[in-house]
Amino acid sequence: MNNVPTSHRLEALSVDIPEACRLTGLGRSKLYDLLGNGEIASIKVGKRRLIVVAELRAWLDRLSSTQRGA
């Protein structure tokens, strides 16, 4: 994949919990709180819990628009 130009690389469609924490800057406990109360949706594939990257973006958009309106 190192020889593939950046413009042709695919972005991840989903990420595991540690990667979602890294991408958002959230701690593991806070992320699980958000998953538990339905603010962020996740999917289960086998034993793995995955979060669709678009779901993380949507949550951040909702959060930022709520805070802008406050």
N, C-alpha and C. Protein backbone atom coordinates (compact mmCIF):
# COMPACT_ATOMS: atom_id res chain seq x y z
N MET A 1 0.81 -1.19 0.00
CA MET A 1 0.00 0.00 0.00
C MET A 1 0.86 1.26 0.00
N ASN A 2 2.14 1.13 0.32
CA ASN A 2 3.02 2.29 0.34
C ASN A 2 3.23 2.89 -1.03
N ASN A 3 3.05 2.10 -2.08
CA ASN A 3 3.25 2.61 -3.43
C ASN A 3 2.00 3.23 -4.03
N VAL A 4 0.90 3.17 -3.32
CA VAL A 4 -0.36 3.72 -3.81
C VAL A 4 -0.38 5.21 -3.49
N PRO A 5 -0.66 6.05 -4.48
CA PRO A 5 -0.73 7.49 -4.21
C PRO A 5 -1.79 7.79 -3.15
N THR A 6 -1.53 8.79 -2.33
CA THR A 6 -2.44 9.16 -1.26
C THR A 6 -3.86 9.38 -1.77
N SER A 7 -4.00 9.96 -2.95
CA SER A 7 -5.32 10.24 -3.49
C SER A 7 -6.10 8.98 -3.82
N HIS A 8 -5.43 7.82 -3.93
CA HIS A 8 -6.09 6.57 -4.27
C HIS A 8 -6.29 5.64 -3.08
N ARG A 9 -5.83 6.04 -1.90
CA ARG A 9 -5.99 5.20 -0.71
C ARG A 9 -7.41 5.30 -0.20
N LEU A 10 -7.92 4.16 0.26
CA LEU A 10 -9.25 4.13 0.82
C LEU A 10 -9.23 4.50 2.28
N GLU A 11 -10.21 5.26 2.69
CA GLU A 11 -10.37 5.60 4.10
C GLU A 11 -11.09 4.44 4.78
N ALA A 12 -10.75 4.18 6.03
CA ALA A 12 -11.42 3.12 6.78
C ALA A 12 -12.91 3.43 6.90
N LEU A 13 -13.73 2.43 6.70
CA LEU A 13 -15.18 2.59 6.84
C LEU A 13 -15.63 2.40 8.27
N SER A 14 -14.91 1.56 9.00
CA SER A 14 -15.23 1.34 10.41
C SER A 14 -13.93 1.14 11.18
N VAL A 15 -14.01 1.37 12.49
CA VAL A 15 -12.83 1.25 13.34
C VAL A 15 -13.21 0.52 14.63
N ASP A 16 -12.21 -0.08 15.26
CA ASP A 16 -12.46 -0.72 16.55
C ASP A 16 -12.44 0.33 17.66
N ILE A 17 -12.71 -0.09 18.87
CA ILE A 17 -12.81 0.84 20.00
C ILE A 17 -11.51 1.62 20.24
N PRO A 18 -10.36 0.98 20.29
CA PRO A 18 -9.13 1.76 20.51
C PRO A 18 -8.90 2.82 19.42
N GLU A 19 -9.18 2.48 18.18
CA GLU A 19 -9.00 3.45 17.09
C GLU A 19 -10.03 4.57 17.18
N ALA A 20 -11.26 4.26 17.56
CA ALA A 20 -12.28 5.29 17.74
C ALA A 20 -11.86 6.26 18.85
N CYS A 21 -11.27 5.73 19.91
CA CYS A 21 -10.77 6.58 20.99
C CYS A 21 -9.66 7.49 20.46
N ARG A 22 -8.76 6.93 19.68
CA ARG A 22 -7.66 7.72 19.13
C ARG A 22 -8.17 8.82 18.20
N LEU A 23 -9.12 8.46 17.34
CA LEU A 23 -9.65 9.43 16.38
C LEU A 23 -10.41 10.58 17.04
N THR A 24 -11.15 10.27 18.09
CA THR A 24 -11.98 11.28 18.74
C THR A 24 -11.32 11.98 19.91
N GLY A 25 -10.28 11.34 20.46
CA GLY A 25 -9.66 11.90 21.66
C GLY A 25 -10.40 11.53 22.94
N LEU A 26 -11.40 10.66 22.81
CA LEU A 26 -12.17 10.23 23.97
C LEU A 26 -11.46 9.07 24.67
N GLY A 27 -11.71 8.95 25.96
CA GLY A 27 -11.23 7.79 26.69
C GLY A 27 -12.16 6.61 26.44
N ARG A 28 -11.67 5.44 26.75
CA ARG A 28 -12.43 4.21 26.54
C ARG A 28 -13.75 4.21 27.32
N SER A 29 -13.71 4.62 28.58
CA SER A 29 -14.92 4.64 29.41
C SER A 29 -15.96 5.59 28.86
N LYS A 30 -15.54 6.78 28.46
CA LYS A 30 -16.48 7.76 27.91
C LYS A 30 -17.09 7.25 26.61
N LEU A 31 -16.27 6.63 25.77
CA LEU A 31 -16.79 6.08 24.52
C LEU A 31 -17.84 5.01 24.80
N TYR A 32 -17.56 4.13 25.76
CA TYR A 32 -18.55 3.10 26.11
C TYR A 32 -19.81 3.72 26.71
N ASP A 33 -19.68 4.82 27.46
CA ASP A 33 -20.86 5.53 27.97
C ASP A 33 -21.73 6.02 26.80
N LEU A 34 -21.08 6.62 25.80
CA LEU A 34 -21.81 7.14 24.64
C LEU A 34 -22.46 6.02 23.84
N LEU A 35 -21.78 4.88 23.74
CA LEU A 35 -22.36 3.72 23.07
C LEU A 35 -23.55 3.20 23.86
N GLY A 36 -23.40 3.15 25.18
CA GLY A 36 -24.45 2.61 26.04
C GLY A 36 -25.72 3.44 26.04
N ASN A 37 -25.58 4.76 25.96
CA ASN A 37 -26.78 5.60 25.98
C ASN A 37 -27.30 5.93 24.58
N GLY A 38 -26.69 5.31 23.55
CA GLY A 38 -27.21 5.44 22.19
C GLY A 38 -26.77 6.69 21.44
N GLU A 39 -25.86 7.48 22.01
CA GLU A 39 -25.40 8.67 21.31
C GLU A 39 -24.53 8.32 20.10
N ILE A 40 -23.81 7.21 20.20
CA ILE A 40 -23.01 6.70 19.10
C ILE A 40 -23.42 5.25 18.88
N ALA A 41 -23.70 4.89 17.64
CA ALA A 41 -24.09 3.52 17.32
C ALA A 41 -22.85 2.70 16.96
N SER A 42 -22.94 1.42 17.24
CA SER A 42 -21.86 0.51 16.87
C SER A 42 -22.45 -0.76 16.29
N ILE A 43 -21.59 -1.56 15.69
CA ILE A 43 -22.03 -2.84 15.15
C ILE A 43 -21.14 -3.93 15.73
N LYS A 44 -21.66 -5.11 15.80
CA LYS A 44 -20.90 -6.24 16.31
C LYS A 44 -20.68 -7.21 15.15
N VAL A 45 -19.43 -7.56 14.90
CA VAL A 45 -19.07 -8.51 13.86
C VAL A 45 -18.27 -9.60 14.55
N GLY A 46 -18.90 -10.74 14.73
CA GLY A 46 -18.26 -11.79 15.52
C GLY A 46 -18.11 -11.28 16.94
N LYS A 47 -16.91 -11.31 17.46
CA LYS A 47 -16.64 -10.80 18.81
C LYS A 47 -16.19 -9.35 18.81
N ARG A 48 -16.02 -8.80 17.62
CA ARG A 48 -15.50 -7.42 17.52
C ARG A 48 -16.62 -6.39 17.53
N ARG A 49 -16.39 -5.31 18.24
CA ARG A 49 -17.29 -4.16 18.25
C ARG A 49 -16.66 -3.12 17.36
N LEU A 50 -17.39 -2.69 16.33
CA LEU A 50 -16.90 -1.70 15.38
C LEU A 50 -17.80 -0.49 15.36
N ILE A 51 -17.20 0.64 15.09
CA ILE A 51 -17.96 1.88 14.95
C ILE A 51 -17.72 2.39 13.53
N VAL A 52 -18.80 2.66 12.84
CA VAL A 52 -18.71 3.20 11.48
C VAL A 52 -18.18 4.63 11.59
N VAL A 53 -17.15 4.94 10.81
CA VAL A 53 -16.51 6.25 10.87
C VAL A 53 -17.53 7.37 10.60
N ALA A 54 -18.45 7.14 9.69
CA ALA A 54 -19.48 8.15 9.41
C ALA A 54 -20.33 8.42 10.66
N GLU A 55 -20.53 7.41 11.50
CA GLU A 55 -21.26 7.59 12.75
C GLU A 55 -20.50 8.50 13.71
N LEU A 56 -19.19 8.34 13.77
CA LEU A 56 -18.38 9.23 14.61
C LEU A 56 -18.46 10.67 14.11
N ARG A 57 -18.40 10.84 12.79
CA ARG A 57 -18.50 12.19 12.23
C ARG A 57 -19.86 12.81 12.51
N ALA A 58 -20.92 12.00 12.37
CA ALA A 58 -22.28 12.50 12.62
C ALA A 58 -22.42 12.92 14.08
N TRP A 59 -21.87 12.11 15.01
CA TRP A 59 -21.94 12.46 16.42
C TRP A 59 -21.20 13.78 16.69
N LEU A 60 -20.01 13.93 16.11
CA LEU A 60 -19.26 15.17 16.30
C LEU A 60 -20.00 16.37 15.71
N ASP A 61 -20.65 16.18 14.56
CA ASP A 61 -21.45 17.25 13.96
C ASP A 61 -22.61 17.64 14.87
N ARG A 62 -23.31 16.63 15.42
CA ARG A 62 -24.43 16.92 16.34
C ARG A 62 -23.92 17.65 17.58
N LEU A 63 -22.81 17.21 18.11
CA LEU A 63 -22.24 17.82 19.31
C LEU A 63 -21.83 19.26 19.04
N SER A 64 -21.16 19.50 17.94
CA SER A 64 -20.71 20.86 17.65
C SER A 64 -21.87 21.79 17.34
N SER A 65 -22.91 21.31 16.66
CA SER A 65 -24.06 22.18 16.38
C SER A 65 -24.85 22.46 17.64
N THR A 66 -24.91 21.52 18.56
CA THR A 66 -25.58 21.75 19.85
C THR A 66 -24.82 22.79 20.66
N GLN A 67 -23.51 22.70 20.67
CA GLN A 67 -22.71 23.63 21.45
C GLN A 67 -22.69 25.01 20.82
N ARG A 68 -22.80 25.09 19.50
CA ARG A 68 -22.86 26.40 18.84
C ARG A 68 -24.16 27.12 19.19
N GLY A 69 -25.24 26.34 19.35
CA GLY A 69 -26.54 26.92 19.64
C GLY A 69 -26.71 27.30 21.09
N ALA A 70 -25.78 26.87 21.95
CA ALA A 70 -25.92 27.14 23.40
C ALA A 70 -25.43 28.52 23.76
